[in-house]
């Protein structure tokens, strides 16, 4: 992955595990942009309290 790649780490009141996931991604993809965000209640209803999700997006140039 390169600088065009982005990761979003969502968490449900679990910032510590989100930080751990970010550190793992930073080691694996050194130039990727990584952001941590809080999940909304709709996502928490599916994953449960404390869940952590990772979304990977590759940005293509037009």
PDB file of N, CA and C in Angstrom:
ATOM      1  N   UNK A   1       0.837  -1.169   0.000  1.00  0.00           N
ATOM      2  CA  UNK A   1       0.000   0.000   0.000  1.00  0.00           C
ATOM      3  C   UNK A   1       0.892   1.246   0.000  1.00  0.00           C
ATOM      4  N   UNK A   2       0.325   2.345  -0.440  1.00  0.00           N
ATOM      5  CA  UNK A   2       1.122   3.565  -0.513  1.00  0.00           C
ATOM      6  C   UNK A   2       0.345   4.723   0.086  1.00  0.00           C
ATOM      7  N   UNK A   3       0.854   5.933  -0.114  1.00  0.00           N
ATOM      8  CA  UNK A   3       0.270   7.122   0.504  1.00  0.00           C
ATOM      9  C   UNK A   3      -1.171   7.374   0.054  1.00  0.00           C
ATOM     10  N   UNK A   4      -1.563   6.800  -1.090  1.00  0.00           N
ATOM     11  CA  UNK A   4      -2.943   6.954  -1.557  1.00  0.00           C
ATOM     12  C   UNK A   4      -3.900   6.101  -0.732  1.00  0.00           C
ATOM     13  N   UNK A   5      -3.361   5.179   0.049  1.00  0.00           N
ATOM     14  CA  UNK A   5      -4.184   4.255   0.809  1.00  0.00           C
ATOM     15  C   UNK A   5      -4.536   4.836   2.160  1.00  0.00           C
ATOM     16  N   UNK A   6      -5.765   4.574   2.561  1.00  0.00           N
ATOM     17  CA  UNK A   6      -6.248   5.099   3.835  1.00  0.00           C
ATOM     18  C   UNK A   6      -6.881   3.984   4.637  1.00  0.00           C
ATOM     19  N   UNK A   7      -6.694   4.066   5.928  1.00  0.00           N
ATOM     20  CA  UNK A   7      -7.336   3.149   6.857  1.00  0.00           C
ATOM     21  C   UNK A   7      -8.123   3.969   7.864  1.00  0.00           C
ATOM     22  N   UNK A   8      -9.306   3.494   8.168  1.00  0.00           N
ATOM     23  CA  UNK A   8     -10.130   4.093   9.207  1.00  0.00           C
ATOM     24  C   UNK A   8     -10.380   3.015  10.248  1.00  0.00           C
ATOM     25  N   UNK A   9     -10.012   3.301  11.468  1.00  0.00           N
ATOM     26  CA  UNK A   9     -10.226   2.375  12.569  1.00  0.00           C
ATOM     27  C   UNK A   9     -11.362   2.946  13.412  1.00  0.00           C
ATOM     28  N   UNK A  10     -12.458   2.225  13.450  1.00  0.00           N
ATOM     29  CA  UNK A  10     -13.601   2.644  14.248  1.00  0.00           C
ATOM     30  C   UNK A  10     -13.650   1.852  15.542  1.00  0.00           C
ATOM     31  N   UNK A  11     -14.095   2.490  16.608  1.00  0.00           N
ATOM     32  CA  UNK A  11     -14.181   1.771  17.883  1.00  0.00           C
ATOM     33  C   UNK A  11     -15.423   2.186  18.655  1.00  0.00           C
ATOM     34  N   UNK A  12     -15.881   1.260  19.487  1.00  0.00           N
ATOM     35  CA  UNK A  12     -17.036   1.493  20.349  1.00  0.00           C
ATOM     36  C   UNK A  12     -16.531   1.569  21.786  1.00  0.00           C
ATOM     37  N   UNK A  13     -16.077   2.755  22.170  1.00  0.00           N
ATOM     38  CA  UNK A  13     -15.539   2.999  23.513  1.00  0.00           C
ATOM     39  C   UNK A  13     -14.386   2.041  23.830  1.00  0.00           C
ATOM     40  N   UNK A  14     -13.502   1.876  22.858  1.00  0.00           N
ATOM     41  CA  UNK A  14     -12.361   0.979  23.019  1.00  0.00           C
ATOM     42  C   UNK A  14     -11.127   1.606  22.350  1.00  0.00           C
ATOM     43  N   UNK A  15     -10.777   2.785  22.807  1.00  0.00           N
ATOM     44  CA  UNK A  15      -9.674   3.531  22.201  1.00  0.00           C
ATOM     45  C   UNK A  15      -8.346   2.791  22.324  1.00  0.00           C
ATOM     46  N   UNK A  16      -8.142   2.066  23.425  1.00  0.00           N
ATOM     47  CA  UNK A  16      -6.869   1.357  23.616  1.00  0.00           C
ATOM     48  C   UNK A  16      -6.632   0.319  22.517  1.00  0.00           C
ATOM     49  N   UNK A  17      -7.649  -0.491  22.214  1.00  0.00           N
ATOM     50  CA  UNK A  17      -7.490  -1.488  21.149  1.00  0.00           C
ATOM     51  C   UNK A  17      -7.382  -0.825  19.778  1.00  0.00           C
ATOM     52  N   UNK A  18      -8.060   0.300  19.596  1.00  0.00           N
ATOM     53  CA  UNK A  18      -7.944   1.032  18.334  1.00  0.00           C
ATOM     54  C   UNK A  18      -6.509   1.532  18.146  1.00  0.00           C
ATOM     55  N   UNK A  19      -5.893   1.996  19.215  1.00  0.00           N
ATOM     56  CA  UNK A  19      -4.493   2.441  19.158  1.00  0.00           C
ATOM     57  C   UNK A  19      -3.560   1.280  18.819  1.00  0.00           C
ATOM     58  N   UNK A  20      -3.841   0.105  19.379  1.00  0.00           N
ATOM     59  CA  UNK A  20      -3.028  -1.075  19.082  1.00  0.00           C
ATOM     60  C   UNK A  20      -3.160  -1.450  17.604  1.00  0.00           C
ATOM     61  N   UNK A  21      -4.383  -1.397  17.088  1.00  0.00           N
ATOM     62  CA  UNK A  21      -4.606  -1.694  15.669  1.00  0.00           C
ATOM     63  C   UNK A  21      -3.870  -0.690  14.791  1.00  0.00           C
ATOM     64  N   UNK A  22      -3.892   0.577  15.193  1.00  0.00           N
ATOM     65  CA  UNK A  22      -3.194   1.609  14.426  1.00  0.00           C
ATOM     66  C   UNK A  22      -1.695   1.331  14.391  1.00  0.00           C
ATOM     67  N   UNK A  23      -1.122   0.948  15.511  1.00  0.00           N
ATOM     68  CA  UNK A  23       0.313   0.646  15.563  1.00  0.00           C
ATOM     69  C   UNK A  23       0.660  -0.522  14.641  1.00  0.00           C
ATOM     70  N   UNK A  24      -0.181  -1.553  14.612  1.00  0.00           N
ATOM     71  CA  UNK A  24       0.055  -2.691  13.723  1.00  0.00           C
ATOM     72  C   UNK A  24       0.009  -2.266  12.260  1.00  0.00           C
ATOM     73  N   UNK A  25      -0.975  -1.433  11.915  1.00  0.00           N
ATOM     74  CA  UNK A  25      -1.101  -0.968  10.536  1.00  0.00           C
ATOM     75  C   UNK A  25       0.065  -0.062  10.150  1.00  0.00           C
ATOM     76  N   UNK A  26       0.497   0.793  11.068  1.00  0.00           N
ATOM     77  CA  UNK A  26       1.637   1.675  10.789  1.00  0.00           C
ATOM     78  C   UNK A  26       2.898   0.869  10.492  1.00  0.00           C
ATOM     79  N   UNK A  27       3.081  -0.242  11.196  1.00  0.00           N
ATOM     80  CA  UNK A  27       4.252  -1.091  10.957  1.00  0.00           C
ATOM     81  C   UNK A  27       4.151  -1.807   9.620  1.00  0.00           C
ATOM     82  N   UNK A  28       2.948  -2.183   9.231  1.00  0.00           N
ATOM     83  CA  UNK A  28       2.756  -2.943   7.996  1.00  0.00           C
ATOM     84  C   UNK A  28       2.681  -2.055   6.754  1.00  0.00           C
ATOM     85  N   UNK A  29       2.140  -0.841   6.903  1.00  0.00           N
ATOM     86  CA  UNK A  29       1.917   0.064   5.769  1.00  0.00           C
ATOM     87  C   UNK A  29       2.444   1.447   6.142  1.00  0.00           C
ATOM     88  N   UNK A  30       3.741   1.641   5.999  1.00  0.00           N
ATOM     89  CA  UNK A  30       4.396   2.827   6.546  1.00  0.00           C
ATOM     90  C   UNK A  30       3.935   4.154   5.960  1.00  0.00           C
ATOM     91  N   UNK A  31       3.429   4.197   4.750  1.00  0.00           N
ATOM     92  CA  UNK A  31       3.029   5.471   4.161  1.00  0.00           C
ATOM     93  C   UNK A  31       1.522   5.696   4.118  1.00  0.00           C
ATOM     94  N   UNK A  32       0.774   4.788   4.679  1.00  0.00           N
ATOM     95  CA  UNK A  32      -0.683   4.915   4.629  1.00  0.00           C
ATOM     96  C   UNK A  32      -1.172   5.959   5.633  1.00  0.00           C
ATOM     97  N   UNK A  33      -2.281   6.587   5.291  1.00  0.00           N
ATOM     98  CA  UNK A  33      -2.943   7.530   6.201  1.00  0.00           C
ATOM     99  C   UNK A  33      -3.900   6.724   7.078  1.00  0.00           C
ATOM    100  N   UNK A  34      -3.803   6.885   8.389  1.00  0.00           N
ATOM    101  CA  UNK A  34      -4.610   6.095   9.326  1.00  0.00           C
ATOM    102  C   UNK A  34      -5.303   7.040  10.296  1.00  0.00           C
ATOM    103  N   UNK A  35      -6.618   6.879  10.417  1.00  0.00           N
ATOM    104  CA  UNK A  35      -7.402   7.702  11.338  1.00  0.00           C
ATOM    105  C   UNK A  35      -8.210   6.812  12.268  1.00  0.00           C
ATOM    106  N   UNK A  36      -8.362   7.253  13.501  1.00  0.00           N
ATOM    107  CA  UNK A  36      -9.206   6.562  14.470  1.00  0.00           C
ATOM    108  C   UNK A  36     -10.463   7.399  14.674  1.00  0.00           C
ATOM    109  N   UNK A  37     -11.620   6.742  14.576  1.00  0.00           N
ATOM    110  CA  UNK A  37     -12.909   7.430  14.743  1.00  0.00           C
ATOM    111  C   UNK A  37     -13.785   6.624  15.692  1.00  0.00           C
ATOM    112  N   UNK A  38     -14.744   7.301  16.300  1.00  0.00           N
ATOM    113  CA  UNK A  38     -15.720   6.616  17.148  1.00  0.00           C
ATOM    114  C   UNK A  38     -16.855   6.100  16.277  1.00  0.00           C
ATOM    115  N   UNK A  39     -17.286   4.875  16.542  1.00  0.00           N
ATOM    116  CA  UNK A  39     -18.399   4.305  15.799  1.00  0.00           C
ATOM    117  C   UNK A  39     -19.726   4.906  16.267  1.00  0.00           C
ATOM    118  N   UNK A  40     -20.685   4.938  15.359  1.00  0.00           N
ATOM    119  CA  UNK A  40     -22.029   5.422  15.693  1.00  0.00           C
ATOM    120  C   UNK A  40     -22.840   4.268  16.284  1.00  0.00           C
ATOM    121  N   UNK A  41     -23.955   4.591  16.957  1.00  0.00           N
ATOM    122  CA  UNK A  41     -24.786   3.543  17.550  1.00  0.00           C
ATOM    123  C   UNK A  41     -25.249   2.467  16.566  1.00  0.00           C
ATOM    124  N   UNK A  42     -25.458   2.826  15.308  1.00  0.00           N
ATOM    125  CA  UNK A  42     -25.884   1.835  14.312  1.00  0.00           C
ATOM    126  C   UNK A  42     -24.826   0.746  14.150  1.00  0.00           C
ATOM    127  N   UNK A  43     -23.559   1.131  14.085  1.00  0.00           N
ATOM    128  CA  UNK A  43     -22.486   0.149  13.954  1.00  0.00           C
ATOM    129  C   UNK A  43     -22.279  -0.621  15.252  1.00  0.00           C
ATOM    130  N   UNK A  44     -22.419   0.062  16.382  1.00  0.00           N
ATOM    131  CA  UNK A  44     -22.233  -0.594  17.675  1.00  0.00           C
ATOM    132  C   UNK A  44     -23.303  -1.660  17.889  1.00  0.00           C
ATOM    133  N   UNK A  45     -24.513  -1.421  17.390  1.00  0.00           N
ATOM    134  CA  UNK A  45     -25.584  -2.418  17.508  1.00  0.00           C
ATOM    135  C   UNK A  45     -25.199  -3.715  16.803  1.00  0.00           C
ATOM    136  N   UNK A  46     -24.424  -3.624  15.729  1.00  0.00           N
ATOM    137  CA  UNK A  46     -23.994  -4.811  14.995  1.00  0.00           C
ATOM    138  C   UNK A  46     -22.768  -5.464  15.637  1.00  0.00           C
ATOM    139  N   UNK A  47     -21.812  -4.662  16.052  1.00  0.00           N
ATOM    140  CA  UNK A  47     -20.548  -5.191  16.575  1.00  0.00           C
ATOM    141  C   UNK A  47     -20.517  -5.362  18.077  1.00  0.00           C
ATOM    142  N   UNK A  48     -21.346  -4.631  18.779  1.00  0.00           N
ATOM    143  CA  UNK A  48     -21.382  -4.700  20.228  1.00  0.00           C
ATOM    144  C   UNK A  48     -20.429  -3.710  20.880  1.00  0.00           C
ATOM    145  N   UNK A  49     -20.653  -3.439  22.157  1.00  0.00           N
ATOM    146  CA  UNK A  49     -19.770  -2.534  22.888  1.00  0.00           C
ATOM    147  C   UNK A  49     -18.342  -3.059  22.889  1.00  0.00           C
ATOM    148  N   UNK A  50     -17.392  -2.161  22.688  1.00  0.00           N
ATOM    149  CA  UNK A  50     -15.984  -2.543  22.711  1.00  0.00           C
ATOM    150  C   UNK A  50     -15.430  -3.024  21.381  1.00  0.00           C
ATOM    151  N   UNK A  51     -16.274  -3.087  20.360  1.00  0.00           N
ATOM    152  CA  UNK A  51     -15.786  -3.603  19.076  1.00  0.00           C
ATOM    153  C   UNK A  51     -14.836  -2.599  18.409  1.00  0.00           C
ATOM    154  N   UNK A  52     -14.003  -3.139  17.533  1.00  0.00           N
ATOM    155  CA  UNK A  52     -13.078  -2.337  16.733  1.00  0.00           C
ATOM    156  C   UNK A  52     -13.230  -2.794  15.287  1.00  0.00           C
ATOM    157  N   UNK A  53     -13.353  -1.834  14.378  1.00  0.00           N
ATOM    158  CA  UNK A  53     -13.472  -2.165  12.957  1.00  0.00           C
ATOM    159  C   UNK A  53     -12.359  -1.472  12.188  1.00  0.00           C
ATOM    160  N   UNK A  54     -11.965  -2.075  11.064  1.00  0.00           N
ATOM    161  CA  UNK A  54     -10.938  -1.493  10.207  1.00  0.00           C
ATOM    162  C   UNK A  54     -11.476  -1.452   8.790  1.00  0.00           C
ATOM    163  N   UNK A  55     -11.413  -0.268   8.204  1.00  0.00           N
ATOM    164  CA  UNK A  55     -11.833  -0.081   6.813  1.00  0.00           C
ATOM    165  C   UNK A  55     -10.615   0.379   6.025  1.00  0.00           C
ATOM    166  N   UNK A  56     -10.364  -0.279   4.899  1.00  0.00           N
ATOM    167  CA  UNK A  56      -9.232   0.084   4.031  1.00  0.00           C
ATOM    168  C   UNK A  56      -9.776   0.617   2.724  1.00  0.00           C
ATOM    169  N   UNK A  57      -9.252   1.761   2.296  1.00  0.00           N
ATOM    170  CA  UNK A  57      -9.693   2.394   1.057  1.00  0.00           C
ATOM    171  C   UNK A  57      -8.471   2.754   0.230  1.00  0.00           C
ATOM    172  N   UNK A  58      -8.492   2.375  -1.027  1.00  0.00           N
ATOM    173  CA  UNK A  58      -7.409   2.762  -1.934  1.00  0.00           C
ATOM    174  C   UNK A  58      -7.945   3.889  -2.832  1.00  0.00           C
ATOM    175  N   UNK A  59      -7.262   5.014  -2.835  1.00  0.00           N
ATOM    176  CA  UNK A  59      -7.665   6.177  -3.602  1.00  0.00           C
ATOM    177  C   UNK A  59      -7.054   6.074  -4.999  1.00  0.00           C
ATOM    178  N   UNK A  60      -7.900   6.025  -6.025  1.00  0.00           N
ATOM    179  CA  UNK A  60      -7.429   6.012  -7.404  1.00  0.00           C
ATOM    180  C   UNK A  60      -7.467   7.417  -7.961  1.00  0.00           C
ATOM    181  N   UNK A  61      -6.460   7.790  -8.707  1.00  0.00           N
ATOM    182  CA  UNK A  61      -6.485   9.094  -9.368  1.00  0.00           C
ATOM    183  C   UNK A  61      -7.290   9.003 -10.647  1.00  0.00           C
ATOM    184  N   UNK A  62      -7.990  10.071 -10.984  1.00  0.00           N
ATOM    185  CA  UNK A  62      -8.808  10.092 -12.182  1.00  0.00           C
ATOM    186  C   UNK A  62      -8.011  10.561 -13.375  1.00  0.00           C
TER     187      UNK A  62
END
